[in-house]
C-alpha atoms as a PDB file:
ATOM      1  CA  MET A   1     -29.575  -0.440  -6.873  1.00  0.00           C
ATOM      2  CA  LEU A   2     -27.238   1.358  -5.253  1.00  0.00           C
ATOM      3  CA  TYR A   3     -23.454   1.661  -5.867  1.00  0.00           C
ATOM      4  CA  VAL A   4     -21.204   2.679  -4.042  1.00  0.00           C
ATOM      5  CA  SER A   5     -16.766   2.228  -4.006  1.00  0.00           C
ATOM      6  CA  LEU A   6     -15.765   0.930  -0.878  1.00  0.00           C
ATOM      7  CA  GLU A   7     -12.297  -0.175  -1.943  1.00  0.00           C
ATOM      8  CA  LEU A   8     -10.191   0.470  -4.921  1.00  0.00           C
ATOM      9  CA  THR A   9      -7.474  -1.101  -6.888  1.00  0.00           C
ATOM     10  CA  LYS A  10      -5.033  -1.236  -9.263  1.00  0.00           C
ATOM     11  CA  LEU A  11      -6.965  -4.901 -10.256  1.00  0.00           C
ATOM     12  CA  LYS A  12      -9.825  -5.513  -8.678  1.00  0.00           C
ATOM     13  CA  LYS A  13     -13.130  -3.499  -8.010  1.00  0.00           C
ATOM     14  CA  LYS A  14     -15.338  -4.504  -5.154  1.00  0.00           C
ATOM     15  CA  TYR A  15     -18.506  -2.502  -4.720  1.00  0.00           C
ATOM     16  CA  TYR A  16     -21.721  -2.688  -1.842  1.00  0.00           C
ATOM     17  CA  ASN A  17     -24.790  -3.147  -3.216  1.00  0.00           C
ATOM     18  CA  PHE A  18     -27.213  -1.950  -0.511  1.00  0.00           C
ATOM     19  CA  GLU A  19     -30.699  -3.360  -0.745  1.00  0.00           C
ATOM     20  CA  ASN A  20     -33.420  -4.079   1.160  1.00  0.00           C
ATOM     21  CA  SER A  21     -30.735  -3.505   4.190  1.00  0.00           C
ATOM     22  CA  LYS A  22     -28.785  -6.364   3.580  1.00  0.00           C
ATOM     23  CA  THR A  23     -24.578  -5.153   2.441  1.00  0.00           C
ATOM     24  CA  LYS A  24     -23.390  -8.212  -0.046  1.00  0.00           C
ATOM     25  CA  GLU A  25     -19.828  -7.685  -1.632  1.00  0.00           C
ATOM     26  CA  ILE A  26     -20.207  -8.329  -5.501  1.00  0.00           C
ATOM     27  CA  GLU A  27     -17.242  -8.251  -7.538  1.00  0.00           C
ATOM     28  CA  MET A  28     -16.721  -6.082 -10.348  1.00  0.00           C
ATOM     29  CA  LEU A  29     -14.382  -6.128 -13.628  1.00  0.00           C
ATOM     30  CA  THR A  30     -13.466  -3.401 -15.822  1.00  0.00           C
ATOM     31  CA  ALA A  31     -13.716  -3.544 -19.510  1.00  0.00           C
ATOM     32  CA  GLU A  32      -9.384  -4.646 -19.738  1.00  0.00           C
ATOM     33  CA  GLU A  33      -9.972  -7.410 -17.481  1.00  0.00           C
ATOM     34  CA  VAL A  34     -13.275  -8.854 -19.702  1.00  0.00           C
ATOM     35  CA  ALA A  35     -11.424  -8.288 -22.905  1.00  0.00           C
ATOM     36  CA  LYS A  36      -9.017 -10.059 -21.513  1.00  0.00           C
ATOM     37  CA  LYS A  37     -11.265 -13.052 -20.223  1.00  0.00           C
ATOM     38  CA  LEU A  38     -13.090 -13.163 -23.564  1.00  0.00           C
ATOM     39  CA  LYS A  39      -9.753 -12.814 -25.807  1.00  0.00           C
ATOM     40  CA  LEU A  40     -11.375  -9.276 -27.411  1.00  0.00           C
ATOM     41  CA  HIS A  41     -10.334  -5.947 -28.220  1.00  0.00           C
ATOM     42  CA  PRO A  42     -11.741  -3.477 -24.992  1.00  0.00           C
ATOM     43  CA  ASN A  43     -13.256  -1.258 -26.652  1.00  0.00           C
ATOM     44  CA  THR A  44     -15.987  -4.021 -28.001  1.00  0.00           C
ATOM     45  CA  VAL A  45     -16.600  -4.943 -24.470  1.00  0.00           C
ATOM     46  CA  ARG A  46     -17.156  -0.840 -24.144  1.00  0.00           C
ATOM     47  CA  LYS A  47     -19.260  -1.321 -27.361  1.00  0.00           C
ATOM     48  CA  TYR A  48     -21.273  -4.742 -26.223  1.00  0.00           C
ATOM     49  CA  ALA A  49     -21.815  -2.722 -22.521  1.00  0.00           C
ATOM     50  CA  LYS A  50     -23.190   0.271 -24.263  1.00  0.00           C
ATOM     51  CA  TRP A  51     -25.495  -1.496 -26.720  1.00  0.00           C
ATOM     52  CA  GLY A  52     -26.638  -3.869 -23.764  1.00  0.00           C
ATOM     53  CA  LYS A  53     -26.631  -7.089 -25.144  1.00  0.00           C
ATOM     54  CA  LEU A  54     -23.056  -7.215 -22.268  1.00  0.00           C
ATOM     55  CA  PRO A  55     -24.564  -5.762 -18.987  1.00  0.00           C
ATOM     56  CA  ALA A  56     -23.266  -3.471 -16.728  1.00  0.00           C
ATOM     57  CA  VAL A  57     -22.376  -0.101 -15.405  1.00  0.00           C
ATOM     58  CA  LYS A  58     -20.754   3.070 -15.800  1.00  0.00           C
ATOM     59  CA  PHE A  59     -18.543   4.462 -12.957  1.00  0.00           C
ATOM     60  CA  GLY A  60     -17.202   7.924 -14.849  1.00  0.00           C
ATOM     61  CA  ARG A  61     -15.063   6.783 -18.006  1.00  0.00           C
ATOM     62  CA  ALA A  62     -14.561   3.785 -16.585  1.00  0.00           C
ATOM     63  CA  TRP A  63     -17.041   0.337 -18.154  1.00  0.00           C
ATOM     64  CA  MET A  64     -17.753  -2.346 -14.730  1.00  0.00           C
ATOM     65  CA  ILE A  65     -18.906  -5.818 -15.359  1.00  0.00           C
ATOM     66  CA  LYS A  66     -20.730  -8.036 -12.577  1.00  0.00           C
ATOM     67  CA  GLU A  67     -18.856 -11.659 -12.514  1.00  0.00           C
ATOM     68  CA  LYS A  68     -21.812 -13.053 -12.523  1.00  0.00           C
ATOM     69  CA  ASP A  69     -23.108 -11.082 -15.903  1.00  0.00           C
ATOM     70  CA  LEU A  70     -19.859 -12.218 -17.179  1.00  0.00           C
ATOM     71  CA  GLU A  71     -20.443 -15.960 -16.567  1.00  0.00           C
ATOM     72  CA  ASP A  72     -24.304 -15.602 -17.380  1.00  0.00           C
ATOM     73  CA  PHE A  73     -23.010 -13.906 -21.306  1.00  0.00           C
ATOM     74  CA  ILE A  74     -20.497 -16.418 -21.692  1.00  0.00           C
ATOM     75  CA  LYS A  75     -23.660 -18.972 -21.489  1.00  0.00           C
ATOM     76  CA  ALA A  76     -26.017 -17.231 -23.148  1.00  0.00           C
ATOM     77  CA  ARG A  77     -22.942 -17.223 -26.481  1.00  0.00           C
ATOM     78  CA  GLU A  78     -22.527 -20.927 -25.999  1.00  0.00           C
ATOM     79  CA  GLN A  79     -25.873 -22.150 -26.251  1.00  0.00           C
ATOM     80  CA  GLU A  80     -26.375 -19.760 -29.092  1.00  0.00           C
ATOM     81  CA  LEU A  81     -23.353 -21.530 -31.221  1.00  0.00           C
ATOM     82  CA  THR A  82     -24.895 -25.756 -30.089  1.00  0.00           C
ATOM     83  CA  TYR A  83     -28.057 -24.163 -31.350  1.00  0.00           C
ATOM     84  CA  GLU A  84     -26.778 -22.963 -34.812  1.00  0.00           C
ATOM     85  CA  SER A  85     -27.459 -25.281 -37.366  1.00  0.00           C
ATOM     86  CA  PRO A  86     -24.417 -26.775 -39.376  1.00  0.00           C
ATOM     87  CA  ARG A  87     -24.057 -25.811 -43.193  1.00  0.00           C
END
């Protein structure tokens, strides 16, 4: 996939996904924004992205995460917790 930055704002980054000649807007979050939502340190989010635990794209030094990927990550973690047996 090819991502082209069309508008950069301080809080939200919007990127367009050019796939099969169709353009759709994708909401992207920074590692800091994801860290606030997950109540983690931003470095932990960056490590998850680097290790492949959390799907992300790196633009220069900044990791960007799709909102949909974050939702999927949270759902997967919730399912892991429900499958653990109590001790």
